Amino acid sequence: MPISEFILGLVRALAWPLTVFLIALIFRHEMRGILKRLSRVKYGDWEAHFEKDLERAERNASLIQIPDNRTLEVTEPTEYERMIRLTEISPCAALMEAWKGIELAVSRVIQTEGIDVKHKIIGTPEVHELVRRGLLPKDMLLVYSDLKQLRNRTAHRAADEMDQTAARRYIELASIFIAKLNEISNMSMPSP
């Protein structure tokens, strides 16, 4: 096979892949914006429904009643502001920090109520127990499950796949959840 035929075959084989790569490279910023607006992305067996699940979590959280005299702010304002600022640097890290706040709040309520924990990791069974005891409305379990599922999806995604706005929305939902848990903790604590 002469060298000219080899080069011609190579050019034919690489023409389409190279063209697609160049177009993707030229329009990468526009494509990133379009991809952020997608509510569902599928690659092989991996699917992301983050936007849809976030909307479901927001609907479930809207069912939670918080007294008017309480603020929705869960942590010290500086902590909340830190999480919001963190979304500008790393939306994934901000979301993970918000989840950590949920875990700490659940742990506080469990300790305050004297609930026996059978394992080291506090999670869904303990939230179920709080609902069973009538300390949390049933809707809180739905919100907890939604937030946990979103956290788990985020933990297994590339850091640049999370958008700032979605992370801020997650932080707001986590704040509502933690405020409700703090309310329970404060009611359970004996007065000095």
Protein backbone atom coordinates (compact mmCIF):
# COMPACT_ATOMS: atom_id res chain seq x y z
CA MET A 1 0.00 0.00 0.00
CA PRO A 2 1.55 3.30 -1.07
CA ILE A 3 1.96 6.04 1.51
CA SER A 4 -0.45 8.33 -0.35
CA GLU A 5 -3.29 5.77 0.00
CA PHE A 6 -2.50 5.35 3.69
CA ILE A 7 -2.64 9.12 4.31
CA LEU A 8 -5.87 9.43 2.30
CA GLY A 9 -7.46 6.60 4.35
CA LEU A 10 -6.33 8.22 7.58
CA VAL A 11 -7.78 11.60 6.58
CA ARG A 12 -11.10 9.94 5.63
CA ALA A 13 -11.24 8.05 8.94
CA LEU A 14 -10.50 11.12 11.06
CA ALA A 15 -12.52 13.73 9.15
CA TRP A 16 -15.79 13.44 11.11
CA PRO A 17 -14.33 12.92 14.59
CA LEU A 18 -11.93 15.80 14.08
CA THR A 19 -14.71 18.07 12.75
CA VAL A 20 -16.97 17.28 15.73
CA PHE A 21 -14.09 17.87 18.15
CA LEU A 22 -13.25 21.24 16.59
CA ILE A 23 -16.90 22.37 16.66
CA ALA A 24 -17.20 21.31 20.30
CA LEU A 25 -13.98 23.15 21.11
CA ILE A 26 -15.09 26.34 19.34
CA PHE A 27 -18.56 26.37 20.94
CA ARG A 28 -17.59 24.93 24.34
CA HIS A 29 -18.87 27.95 26.34
CA GLU A 30 -22.22 27.94 24.58
CA MET A 31 -22.53 24.17 25.00
CA ARG A 32 -21.76 24.43 28.72
CA GLY A 33 -24.62 26.93 29.11
CA ILE A 34 -27.01 24.67 27.23
CA LEU A 35 -25.97 21.61 29.23
CA LYS A 36 -26.57 23.45 32.53
CA ARG A 37 -30.18 24.02 31.52
CA LEU A 38 -30.80 20.34 30.90
CA SER A 39 -32.84 18.65 33.57
CA ARG A 40 -31.76 15.20 32.52
CA VAL A 41 -28.46 13.97 31.15
CA LYS A 42 -27.76 10.40 30.22
CA TYR A 43 -24.42 8.85 29.53
CA GLY A 44 -24.41 5.07 29.38
CA ASP A 45 -26.04 3.82 32.56
CA TRP A 46 -25.52 7.11 34.39
CA GLU A 47 -28.47 9.48 34.61
CA ALA A 48 -28.79 12.79 36.39
CA HIS A 49 -32.17 14.20 37.32
CA PHE A 50 -30.83 16.86 39.66
CA GLU A 51 -33.08 19.74 38.60
CA LYS A 52 -36.23 17.62 38.74
CA ASP A 53 -35.30 16.18 42.14
CA LEU A 54 -34.44 19.62 43.47
CA GLU A 55 -37.88 20.88 42.43
CA ARG A 56 -39.49 17.89 44.18
CA ALA A 57 -37.50 18.63 47.34
CA GLU A 58 -38.62 22.27 47.19
CA ARG A 59 -42.27 21.19 46.87
CA ASN A 60 -41.90 18.84 49.83
CA ALA A 61 -40.13 21.52 51.88
CA SER A 62 -42.96 23.97 51.22
CA LEU A 63 -45.19 21.62 53.24
CA ILE A 64 -43.08 22.14 56.37
CA GLN A 65 -44.60 24.66 58.75
CA ILE A 66 -42.22 26.93 60.62
CA PRO A 67 -43.67 29.39 63.16
CA ASP A 68 -43.68 33.00 61.95
CA ASN A 69 -41.61 34.14 64.91
CA ARG A 70 -38.74 31.83 63.91
CA THR A 71 -36.29 32.61 61.17
CA LEU A 72 -35.42 30.12 58.48
CA GLU A 73 -31.74 30.69 59.17
CA VAL A 74 -30.41 27.47 60.62
CA THR A 75 -26.92 28.25 61.62
CA GLU A 76 -25.11 31.36 62.65
CA PRO A 77 -25.48 33.87 59.81
CA THR A 78 -21.73 33.71 59.23
CA GLU A 79 -21.98 29.95 58.58
CA TYR A 80 -24.89 30.41 56.19
CA GLU A 81 -23.08 33.22 54.39
CA ARG A 82 -19.96 31.05 54.22
CA MET A 83 -21.92 28.31 52.47
CA ILE A 84 -23.44 30.80 50.02
CA ARG A 85 -19.99 32.27 49.30
CA LEU A 86 -18.63 28.75 48.88
CA THR A 87 -21.07 28.22 45.99
CA GLU A 88 -19.02 30.76 44.02
CA ILE A 89 -15.87 28.70 44.47
CA SER A 90 -17.24 25.17 44.54
CA PRO A 91 -20.99 24.56 44.36
CA CYS A 92 -20.42 20.85 45.15
CA ALA A 93 -18.46 21.66 48.31
CA ALA A 94 -21.19 24.09 49.41
CA LEU A 95 -23.83 21.42 48.95
CA MET A 96 -21.76 18.91 50.92
CA GLU A 97 -21.32 21.47 53.73
CA ALA A 98 -25.09 22.02 53.81
CA TRP A 99 -25.60 18.25 54.10
CA LYS A 100 -23.08 18.17 56.96
CA GLY A 101 -25.25 20.77 58.72
CA ILE A 102 -28.28 18.50 58.31
CA GLU A 103 -26.40 15.55 59.78
CA LEU A 104 -25.27 17.64 62.77
CA ALA A 105 -28.79 18.95 63.39
CA VAL A 106 -30.27 15.42 63.26
CA SER A 107 -27.54 14.26 65.64
CA ARG A 108 -28.34 17.09 68.08
CA VAL A 109 -32.04 16.20 68.14
CA ILE A 110 -31.27 12.50 68.58
CA GLN A 111 -29.02 13.30 71.55
CA THR A 112 -31.48 15.80 73.06
CA GLU A 113 -34.29 13.26 72.84
CA GLY A 114 -32.13 10.47 74.24
CA ILE A 115 -32.78 8.18 71.29
CA ASP A 116 -30.61 5.08 71.29
CA VAL A 117 -28.48 4.89 68.14
CA LYS A 118 -27.55 1.38 67.06
CA HIS A 119 -24.79 2.39 64.64
CA LYS A 120 -22.21 5.14 64.26
CA ILE A 121 -23.76 6.88 61.26
CA ILE A 122 -26.93 8.81 61.99
CA GLY A 123 -29.33 8.86 59.06
CA THR A 124 -32.68 7.78 57.73
CA PRO A 125 -33.59 5.34 60.56
CA GLU A 126 -33.15 8.12 63.12
CA VAL A 127 -35.26 10.56 61.11
CA HIS A 128 -37.91 7.79 60.85
CA GLU A 129 -37.78 7.48 64.64
CA LEU A 130 -38.28 11.24 65.08
CA VAL A 131 -41.34 11.04 62.80
CA ARG A 132 -42.62 7.95 64.66
CA ARG A 133 -42.35 9.81 67.97
CA GLY A 134 -44.31 12.73 66.53
CA LEU A 135 -41.37 15.13 66.82
CA LEU A 136 -41.17 15.71 63.08
CA PRO A 137 -43.98 15.91 60.55
CA LYS A 138 -44.04 13.10 57.99
CA ASP A 139 -43.22 15.63 55.25
CA MET A 140 -39.81 16.14 56.86
CA LEU A 141 -38.92 12.55 56.06
CA LEU A 142 -39.66 13.22 52.37
CA VAL A 143 -37.51 16.35 52.42
CA TYR A 144 -34.71 14.47 54.20
CA SER A 145 -34.85 11.67 51.62
CA ASP A 146 -34.82 14.14 48.73
CA LEU A 147 -31.89 16.09 50.15
CA LYS A 148 -29.97 12.90 50.90
CA GLN A 149 -30.54 11.60 47.36
CA LEU A 150 -29.36 14.92 45.87
CA ARG A 151 -26.31 14.85 48.15
CA ASN A 152 -25.48 11.31 47.07
CA ARG A 153 -25.77 12.22 43.40
CA THR A 154 -23.52 15.22 43.93
CA ALA A 155 -20.93 13.12 45.75
CA HIS A 156 -20.58 10.89 42.68
CA ARG A 157 -20.38 13.62 40.05
CA ALA A 158 -17.56 15.70 38.68
CA ALA A 159 -17.16 18.98 40.61
CA ASP A 160 -17.82 21.15 37.55
CA GLU A 161 -21.22 19.56 36.90
CA MET A 162 -22.92 21.46 39.76
CA ASP A 163 -24.35 24.86 39.06
CA GLN A 164 -24.24 27.74 41.60
CA THR A 165 -27.96 28.39 41.48
CA ALA A 166 -28.84 24.76 42.19
CA ALA A 167 -26.35 24.68 45.09
CA ARG A 168 -27.91 27.84 46.57
CA ARG A 169 -31.38 26.33 46.25
CA TYR A 170 -30.16 23.19 48.01
CA ILE A 171 -28.67 25.32 50.82
CA GLU A 172 -32.02 27.10 51.25
CA LEU A 173 -33.82 23.76 51.55
CA ALA A 174 -31.22 22.47 53.98
CA SER A 175 -31.69 25.67 56.01
CA ILE A 176 -35.42 25.09 56.28
CA PHE A 177 -34.85 21.50 57.34
CA ILE A 178 -32.23 22.45 59.94
CA ALA A 179 -34.43 25.27 61.29
CA LYS A 180 -37.18 22.75 61.97
CA LEU A 181 -34.71 20.41 63.70
CA ASN A 182 -33.33 23.30 65.77
CA GLU A 183 -36.86 24.20 66.78
CA ILE A 184 -37.34 20.66 68.12
CA SER A 185 -33.95 20.75 69.90
CA ASN A 186 -34.77 24.08 71.54
CA MET A 187 -38.20 22.86 72.71
CA SER A 188 -36.69 19.71 74.19
CA MET A 189 -33.92 21.44 76.13
CA PRO A 190 -34.70 22.23 79.76
CA SER A 191 -34.87 25.93 80.68
CA PRO A 192 -32.01 27.27 82.84
